[in-house]
Amino acid sequence: MFRTLASTLTLTVALTGAAHAEDFEVQMLNRGDAGTMIFEPAFLRIAAGDTVTFLATDRGHNAESIPEMTPEGAEVFESSINEEIMVTFDTEGLYGIRCKPHYAMGMVMTIAVGDVSDAPDDFLAGRIPRGAKARFEEQLSNL
């Protein structure tokens, strides 16, 4: 009986956690309210376990995490061009996302997972195209 009760409790806790996870949609656009070659929204604050679906609203885009801008222990992801991808963010931290074909044009977004109040010191380190860096800096002001 104890084993059955423990199994039921474990399943209930697992299902309760899954029930509270939220789903968000991000459009990959040629043009939007904030300019050209954008993710809309360009900044998300979500909880660990939430899912983001990147919608190939306009053709010619992909969504991929930038390895140098991904929290330690988190898995990186990459969609194909024109592919919708659903990603569950389980690791807390700050994520930099780009559209590889339009990275130099500044097509980037930032996702803050969990209680993130500041960007890591090295978040904007390395070679980042000028347009992408400017948009990342703007997005980080949302922290």
N, C-alpha and C. Protein backbone atom coordinates (compact mmCIF):
# COMPACT_ATOMS: atom_id res chain seq x y z
N MET A 1 0.82 -1.19 0.00
CA MET A 1 0.00 0.00 0.00
C MET A 1 0.87 1.26 0.00
N PHE A 2 1.94 1.24 0.81
CA PHE A 2 2.82 2.41 0.86
C PHE A 2 3.43 2.69 -0.51
N ARG A 3 3.84 1.62 -1.21
CA ARG A 3 4.44 1.78 -2.54
C ARG A 3 3.44 2.40 -3.51
N THR A 4 2.19 1.99 -3.47
CA THR A 4 1.15 2.54 -4.34
C THR A 4 0.91 4.01 -4.01
N LEU A 5 0.86 4.34 -2.72
CA LEU A 5 0.68 5.73 -2.30
C LEU A 5 1.84 6.59 -2.76
N ALA A 6 3.06 6.10 -2.61
CA ALA A 6 4.25 6.85 -3.04
C ALA A 6 4.24 7.05 -4.55
N SER A 7 3.86 6.02 -5.30
CA SER A 7 3.80 6.14 -6.76
C SER A 7 2.75 7.15 -7.18
N THR A 8 1.59 7.11 -6.52
CA THR A 8 0.52 8.06 -6.83
C THR A 8 0.95 9.48 -6.51
N LEU A 9 1.61 9.68 -5.38
CA LEU A 9 2.09 11.00 -5.00
C LEU A 9 3.12 11.52 -6.00
N THR A 10 4.05 10.66 -6.42
CA THR A 10 5.06 11.05 -7.40
C THR A 10 4.41 11.45 -8.72
N LEU A 11 3.44 10.68 -9.18
CA LEU A 11 2.74 10.99 -10.43
C LEU A 11 1.97 12.29 -10.30
N THR A 12 1.32 12.51 -9.16
CA THR A 12 0.56 13.74 -8.94
C THR A 12 1.47 14.95 -8.97
N VAL A 13 2.61 14.87 -8.31
CA VAL A 13 3.56 15.97 -8.31
C VAL A 13 4.07 16.23 -9.72
N ALA A 14 4.38 15.19 -10.46
CA ALA A 14 4.87 15.35 -11.83
C ALA A 14 3.82 16.00 -12.71
N LEU A 15 2.58 15.55 -12.60
CA LEU A 15 1.51 16.12 -13.42
C LEU A 15 1.19 17.54 -13.01
N THR A 16 1.24 17.83 -11.72
CA THR A 16 0.97 19.19 -11.25
C THR A 16 2.02 20.15 -11.80
N GLY A 17 3.28 19.75 -11.80
CA GLY A 17 4.34 20.59 -12.36
C GLY A 17 4.13 20.83 -13.83
N ALA A 18 3.74 19.78 -14.56
CA ALA A 18 3.53 19.92 -15.99
C ALA A 18 2.32 20.81 -16.28
N ALA A 19 1.33 20.76 -15.40
CA ALA A 19 0.12 21.56 -15.62
C ALA A 19 0.41 23.05 -15.50
N HIS A 20 1.42 23.42 -14.75
CA HIS A 20 1.73 24.83 -14.54
C HIS A 20 2.68 25.38 -15.59
N ALA A 21 3.27 24.53 -16.40
CA ALA A 21 4.17 25.01 -17.45
C ALA A 21 3.36 25.79 -18.48
N GLU A 22 3.94 26.84 -18.99
CA GLU A 22 3.26 27.66 -19.99
C GLU A 22 3.90 27.47 -21.35
N ASP A 23 3.13 27.79 -22.39
CA ASP A 23 3.61 27.75 -23.77
C ASP A 23 3.60 29.16 -24.32
N PHE A 24 4.69 29.53 -24.98
CA PHE A 24 4.82 30.85 -25.59
C PHE A 24 5.09 30.67 -27.07
N GLU A 25 4.66 31.65 -27.87
CA GLU A 25 4.93 31.63 -29.31
C GLU A 25 5.77 32.84 -29.68
N VAL A 26 6.76 32.59 -30.52
CA VAL A 26 7.63 33.64 -31.05
C VAL A 26 7.57 33.54 -32.56
N GLN A 27 7.26 34.65 -33.22
CA GLN A 27 7.22 34.68 -34.68
C GLN A 27 8.58 35.08 -35.24
N MET A 28 8.96 34.45 -36.33
CA MET A 28 10.16 34.84 -37.07
C MET A 28 9.67 35.64 -38.28
N LEU A 29 10.00 36.94 -38.30
CA LEU A 29 9.39 37.86 -39.26
C LEU A 29 10.42 38.62 -40.10
N ASN A 30 10.03 38.91 -41.34
CA ASN A 30 10.83 39.82 -42.18
C ASN A 30 10.65 41.26 -41.72
N ARG A 31 9.44 41.58 -41.27
CA ARG A 31 9.12 42.94 -40.85
C ARG A 31 8.06 42.86 -39.75
N GLY A 32 8.24 43.72 -38.74
CA GLY A 32 7.28 43.78 -37.63
C GLY A 32 7.28 45.16 -37.03
N ASP A 33 6.61 45.31 -35.90
CA ASP A 33 6.51 46.61 -35.25
C ASP A 33 7.87 47.18 -34.86
N ALA A 34 8.83 46.31 -34.54
CA ALA A 34 10.14 46.77 -34.06
C ALA A 34 11.19 46.88 -35.17
N GLY A 35 10.82 46.65 -36.41
CA GLY A 35 11.79 46.78 -37.50
C GLY A 35 11.78 45.60 -38.44
N THR A 36 12.91 45.38 -39.09
CA THR A 36 13.02 44.29 -40.05
C THR A 36 13.88 43.17 -39.47
N MET A 37 13.67 41.98 -39.99
CA MET A 37 14.37 40.77 -39.57
C MET A 37 14.38 40.67 -38.05
N ILE A 38 13.21 40.28 -37.51
CA ILE A 38 13.04 40.26 -36.06
C ILE A 38 12.34 38.99 -35.58
N PHE A 39 12.59 38.70 -34.32
CA PHE A 39 11.78 37.76 -33.57
C PHE A 39 10.76 38.62 -32.83
N GLU A 40 9.52 38.18 -32.82
CA GLU A 40 8.51 38.95 -32.11
C GLU A 40 7.72 38.02 -31.20
N PRO A 41 7.83 38.19 -29.88
CA PRO A 41 8.57 39.22 -29.17
C PRO A 41 10.08 38.94 -29.20
N ALA A 42 10.86 39.98 -28.95
CA ALA A 42 12.31 39.86 -28.97
C ALA A 42 12.88 39.52 -27.60
N PHE A 43 12.06 39.63 -26.55
CA PHE A 43 12.49 39.29 -25.20
C PHE A 43 11.37 38.53 -24.50
N LEU A 44 11.72 37.44 -23.84
CA LEU A 44 10.75 36.69 -23.04
C LEU A 44 11.33 36.42 -21.67
N ARG A 45 10.49 36.50 -20.65
CA ARG A 45 10.83 36.04 -19.31
C ARG A 45 9.89 34.89 -19.02
N ILE A 46 10.46 33.70 -18.81
CA ILE A 46 9.66 32.49 -18.62
C ILE A 46 10.18 31.73 -17.40
N ALA A 47 9.44 30.72 -17.00
CA ALA A 47 9.84 29.85 -15.89
C ALA A 47 10.50 28.59 -16.44
N ALA A 48 11.34 28.00 -15.63
CA ALA A 48 11.93 26.71 -16.02
C ALA A 48 10.80 25.72 -16.26
N GLY A 49 10.90 24.98 -17.35
CA GLY A 49 9.86 24.02 -17.74
C GLY A 49 8.88 24.56 -18.76
N ASP A 50 8.91 25.87 -19.00
CA ASP A 50 8.04 26.45 -20.02
C ASP A 50 8.55 26.11 -21.41
N THR A 51 7.65 26.18 -22.37
CA THR A 51 7.96 25.85 -23.76
C THR A 51 7.79 27.07 -24.64
N VAL A 52 8.71 27.23 -25.59
CA VAL A 52 8.62 28.29 -26.58
C VAL A 52 8.54 27.64 -27.95
N THR A 53 7.55 28.04 -28.73
CA THR A 53 7.43 27.57 -30.10
C THR A 53 7.83 28.71 -31.02
N PHE A 54 8.85 28.47 -31.83
CA PHE A 54 9.32 29.45 -32.80
C PHE A 54 8.59 29.16 -34.11
N LEU A 55 7.77 30.12 -34.53
CA LEU A 55 6.92 29.95 -35.71
C LEU A 55 7.59 30.55 -36.93
N ALA A 56 7.69 29.77 -37.98
CA ALA A 56 8.27 30.24 -39.24
C ALA A 56 7.20 31.03 -39.99
N THR A 57 6.85 32.19 -39.44
CA THR A 57 5.78 33.03 -39.99
C THR A 57 6.15 33.50 -41.39
N ASP A 58 7.35 34.03 -41.54
CA ASP A 58 7.87 34.41 -42.86
C ASP A 58 8.96 33.42 -43.25
N ARG A 59 9.11 33.21 -44.53
CA ARG A 59 10.08 32.22 -45.03
C ARG A 59 11.51 32.74 -44.93
N GLY A 60 12.45 31.80 -44.82
CA GLY A 60 13.87 32.14 -44.87
C GLY A 60 14.54 32.27 -43.51
N HIS A 61 13.84 31.87 -42.43
CA HIS A 61 14.38 32.04 -41.08
C HIS A 61 14.53 30.71 -40.36
N ASN A 62 15.39 30.72 -39.36
CA ASN A 62 15.48 29.61 -38.42
C ASN A 62 15.65 30.19 -37.02
N ALA A 63 15.61 29.33 -36.04
CA ALA A 63 15.86 29.74 -34.65
C ALA A 63 16.89 28.78 -34.09
N GLU A 64 17.92 29.34 -33.45
CA GLU A 64 18.92 28.50 -32.82
C GLU A 64 19.53 29.22 -31.64
N SER A 65 19.87 28.43 -30.63
CA SER A 65 20.54 29.01 -29.48
C SER A 65 22.00 29.26 -29.85
N ILE A 66 22.57 30.29 -29.26
CA ILE A 66 23.98 30.62 -29.48
C ILE A 66 24.75 29.93 -28.36
N PRO A 67 25.61 28.97 -28.69
CA PRO A 67 26.28 28.18 -27.64
C PRO A 67 26.97 29.03 -26.57
N GLU A 68 27.61 30.11 -26.97
CA GLU A 68 28.32 30.96 -26.00
C GLU A 68 27.35 31.77 -25.13
N MET A 69 26.08 31.80 -25.51
CA MET A 69 25.05 32.55 -24.78
C MET A 69 23.98 31.60 -24.25
N THR A 70 24.41 30.41 -23.87
CA THR A 70 23.51 29.40 -23.34
C THR A 70 24.02 29.01 -21.95
N PRO A 71 23.13 28.94 -20.96
CA PRO A 71 23.59 28.59 -19.61
C PRO A 71 24.29 27.23 -19.57
N GLU A 72 25.25 27.12 -18.69
CA GLU A 72 25.98 25.86 -18.52
C GLU A 72 25.00 24.75 -18.16
N GLY A 73 25.12 23.63 -18.85
CA GLY A 73 24.25 22.49 -18.60
C GLY A 73 23.01 22.45 -19.46
N ALA A 74 22.70 23.54 -20.14
CA ALA A 74 21.51 23.58 -21.00
C ALA A 74 21.86 23.03 -22.38
N GLU A 75 20.89 22.41 -23.00
CA GLU A 75 21.09 21.88 -24.35
C GLU A 75 20.91 22.99 -25.37
N VAL A 76 21.77 23.00 -26.39
CA VAL A 76 21.60 23.95 -27.48
C VAL A 76 20.62 23.35 -28.49
N PHE A 77 20.01 24.19 -29.30
CA PHE A 77 19.06 23.71 -30.30
C PHE A 77 19.25 24.50 -31.58
N GLU A 78 18.79 23.93 -32.68
CA GLU A 78 18.86 24.58 -33.99
C GLU A 78 17.78 24.00 -34.88
N SER A 79 16.96 24.88 -35.43
CA SER A 79 15.95 24.43 -36.38
C SER A 79 16.50 24.59 -37.80
N SER A 80 15.85 23.93 -38.72
CA SER A 80 16.17 24.12 -40.13
C SER A 80 15.48 25.39 -40.61
N ILE A 81 15.89 25.89 -41.76
CA ILE A 81 15.24 27.05 -42.35
C ILE A 81 13.77 26.70 -42.62
N ASN A 82 12.87 27.64 -42.33
CA ASN A 82 11.42 27.50 -42.54
C ASN A 82 10.79 26.43 -41.65
N GLU A 83 11.46 26.02 -40.59
CA GLU A 83 10.94 24.97 -39.72
C GLU A 83 10.44 25.55 -38.40
N GLU A 84 9.25 25.15 -38.02
CA GLU A 84 8.73 25.49 -36.69
C GLU A 84 9.41 24.55 -35.70
N ILE A 85 9.83 25.10 -34.56
CA ILE A 85 10.48 24.28 -33.55
C ILE A 85 9.92 24.63 -32.18
N MET A 86 9.70 23.60 -31.37
CA MET A 86 9.20 23.78 -30.02
C MET A 86 10.34 23.38 -29.07
N VAL A 87 10.67 24.29 -28.14
CA VAL A 87 11.79 24.06 -27.22
C VAL A 87 11.30 24.25 -25.79
N THR A 88 11.60 23.28 -24.94
CA THR A 88 11.31 23.40 -23.51
C THR A 88 12.59 23.83 -22.82
N PHE A 89 12.51 24.91 -22.06
CA PHE A 89 13.66 25.47 -21.37
C PHE A 89 13.63 25.01 -19.91
N ASP A 90 14.47 24.02 -19.59
CA ASP A 90 14.51 23.44 -18.26
C ASP A 90 15.59 24.05 -17.37
N THR A 91 16.60 24.65 -17.95
CA THR A 91 17.73 25.18 -17.19
C THR A 91 17.57 26.69 -17.04
N GLU A 92 17.64 27.17 -15.80
CA GLU A 92 17.52 28.60 -15.55
C GLU A 92 18.74 29.34 -16.08
N GLY A 93 18.53 30.57 -16.50
CA GLY A 93 19.62 31.39 -16.99
C GLY A 93 19.17 32.23 -18.17
N LEU A 94 20.15 32.85 -18.81
CA LEU A 94 19.90 33.75 -19.93
C LEU A 94 20.34 33.08 -21.24
N TYR A 95 19.46 33.13 -22.24
CA TYR A 95 19.71 32.48 -23.53
C TYR A 95 19.72 33.53 -24.63
N GLY A 96 20.74 33.49 -25.49
CA GLY A 96 20.77 34.28 -26.70
C GLY A 96 20.33 33.40 -27.86
N ILE A 97 19.39 33.89 -28.65
CA ILE A 97 18.82 33.15 -29.78
C ILE A 97 19.06 33.96 -31.04
N ARG A 98 19.35 33.28 -32.15
CA ARG A 98 19.55 33.98 -33.41
C ARG A 98 18.88 33.24 -34.55
N CYS A 99 18.67 34.00 -35.63
CA CYS A 99 18.35 33.43 -36.93
C CYS A 99 19.69 33.46 -37.67
N LYS A 100 20.23 32.30 -37.96
CA LYS A 100 21.57 32.24 -38.54
C LYS A 100 21.72 33.04 -39.83
N PRO A 101 20.76 32.92 -40.79
CA PRO A 101 20.94 33.70 -42.03
C PRO A 101 20.89 35.21 -41.83
N HIS A 102 20.24 35.68 -40.77
CA HIS A 102 20.06 37.12 -40.58
C HIS A 102 20.71 37.63 -39.29
N TYR A 103 21.65 36.89 -38.76
CA TYR A 103 22.34 37.26 -37.53
C TYR A 103 23.06 38.60 -37.69
N ALA A 104 23.75 38.76 -38.80
CA ALA A 104 24.49 40.02 -39.04
C ALA A 104 23.55 41.21 -39.17
N MET A 105 22.29 40.95 -39.51
CA MET A 105 21.29 42.02 -39.62
C MET A 105 20.62 42.30 -38.28
N GLY A 106 21.01 41.56 -37.25
CA GLY A 106 20.48 41.80 -35.93
C GLY A 106 19.25 41.00 -35.56
N MET A 107 19.00 39.88 -36.25
CA MET A 107 17.83 39.07 -35.93
C MET A 107 18.18 38.15 -34.76
N VAL A 108 17.95 38.68 -33.56
CA VAL A 108 18.26 37.98 -32.31
C VAL A 108 17.15 38.20 -31.30
N MET A 109 17.14 37.35 -30.29
CA MET A 109 16.23 37.54 -29.16
C MET A 109 16.89 37.01 -27.91
N THR A 110 16.34 37.41 -26.77
CA THR A 110 16.85 36.98 -25.48
C THR A 110 15.71 36.34 -24.69
N ILE A 111 16.02 35.21 -24.05
CA ILE A 111 15.06 34.55 -23.19
C ILE A 111 15.68 34.42 -21.80
N ALA A 112 14.99 34.97 -20.81
CA ALA A 112 15.40 34.86 -19.41
C ALA A 112 14.54 33.78 -18.77
N VAL A 113 15.20 32.72 -18.30
CA VAL A 113 14.49 31.61 -17.68
C VAL A 113 14.74 31.65 -16.18
N GLY A 114 13.67 31.79 -15.43
CA GLY A 114 13.79 31.82 -13.98
C GLY A 114 14.09 33.21 -13.47
N ASP A 115 14.69 33.26 -12.29
CA ASP A 115 14.96 34.51 -11.59
C ASP A 115 16.30 35.09 -12.04
N VAL A 116 16.31 35.67 -13.23
CA VAL A 116 17.52 36.27 -13.80
C VAL A 116 17.38 37.78 -13.69
N SER A 117 18.34 38.40 -13.00
CA SER A 117 18.26 39.86 -12.84
C SER A 117 19.38 40.59 -13.57
N ASP A 118 20.45 39.88 -13.91
CA ASP A 118 21.58 40.47 -14.64
C ASP A 118 22.10 39.48 -15.67
N ALA A 119 22.67 40.03 -16.72
CA ALA A 119 23.33 39.18 -17.71
C ALA A 119 24.69 38.75 -17.17
N PRO A 120 25.12 37.53 -17.46
CA PRO A 120 26.48 37.14 -17.08
C PRO A 120 27.49 38.10 -17.70
N ASP A 121 28.62 38.31 -17.03
CA ASP A 121 29.63 39.26 -17.51
C ASP A 121 30.08 38.97 -18.94
N ASP A 122 30.11 37.70 -19.31
CA ASP A 122 30.61 37.33 -20.64
C ASP A 122 29.49 37.14 -21.66
N PHE A 123 28.25 37.53 -21.34
CA PHE A 123 27.14 37.29 -22.24
C PHE A 123 27.35 37.95 -23.61
N LEU A 124 27.88 39.16 -23.63
CA LEU A 124 28.11 39.87 -24.90
C LEU A 124 29.57 39.83 -25.31
N ALA A 125 30.32 38.88 -24.81
CA ALA A 125 31.72 38.75 -25.19
C ALA A 125 31.82 38.03 -26.53
N GLY A 126 32.96 38.11 -27.14
CA GLY A 126 33.16 37.41 -28.41
C GLY A 126 32.72 38.24 -29.60
N ARG A 127 32.71 37.59 -30.74
CA ARG A 127 32.37 38.27 -32.00
C ARG A 127 30.87 38.24 -32.21
N ILE A 128 30.27 39.40 -32.04
CA ILE A 128 28.83 39.56 -32.28
C ILE A 128 28.67 40.69 -33.28
N PRO A 129 27.95 40.46 -34.37
CA PRO A 129 27.73 41.54 -35.34
C PRO A 129 27.14 42.78 -34.66
N ARG A 130 27.53 43.94 -35.15
CA ARG A 130 27.12 45.21 -34.54
C ARG A 130 25.60 45.32 -34.36
N GLY A 131 24.84 44.99 -35.39
CA GLY A 131 23.38 45.09 -35.30
C GLY A 131 22.81 44.13 -34.26
N ALA A 132 23.37 42.93 -34.19
CA ALA A 132 22.91 41.95 -33.20
C ALA A 132 23.26 42.41 -31.79
N LYS A 133 24.46 42.95 -31.63
CA LYS A 133 24.88 43.41 -30.30
C LYS A 133 23.98 44.54 -29.81
N ALA A 134 23.65 45.47 -30.70
CA ALA A 134 22.77 46.59 -30.33
C ALA A 134 21.40 46.08 -29.89
N ARG A 135 20.86 45.10 -30.60
CA ARG A 135 19.55 44.56 -30.22
C ARG A 135 19.64 43.78 -28.91
N PHE A 136 20.71 43.01 -28.72
CA PHE A 136 20.88 42.31 -27.44
C PHE A 136 20.94 43.31 -26.29
N GLU A 137 21.69 44.38 -26.47
CA GLU A 137 21.80 45.38 -25.40
C GLU A 137 20.44 45.98 -25.07
N GLU A 138 19.64 46.23 -26.09
CA GLU A 138 18.29 46.77 -25.88
C GLU A 138 17.42 45.75 -25.13
N GLN A 139 17.52 44.48 -25.53
CA GLN A 139 16.73 43.43 -24.88
C GLN A 139 17.14 43.24 -23.42
N LEU A 140 18.43 43.36 -23.13
CA LEU A 140 18.91 43.16 -21.76
C LEU A 140 18.41 44.25 -20.82
N SER A 141 17.97 45.37 -21.37
CA SER A 141 17.42 46.43 -20.51
C SER A 141 16.10 45.98 -19.88
N ASN A 142 15.52 44.88 -20.37
CA ASN A 142 14.28 44.34 -19.80
C ASN A 142 14.52 43.53 -18.51
N LEU A 143 15.78 43.24 -18.24
CA LEU A 143 16.09 42.48 -17.02
C LEU A 143 15.88 43.39 -15.85
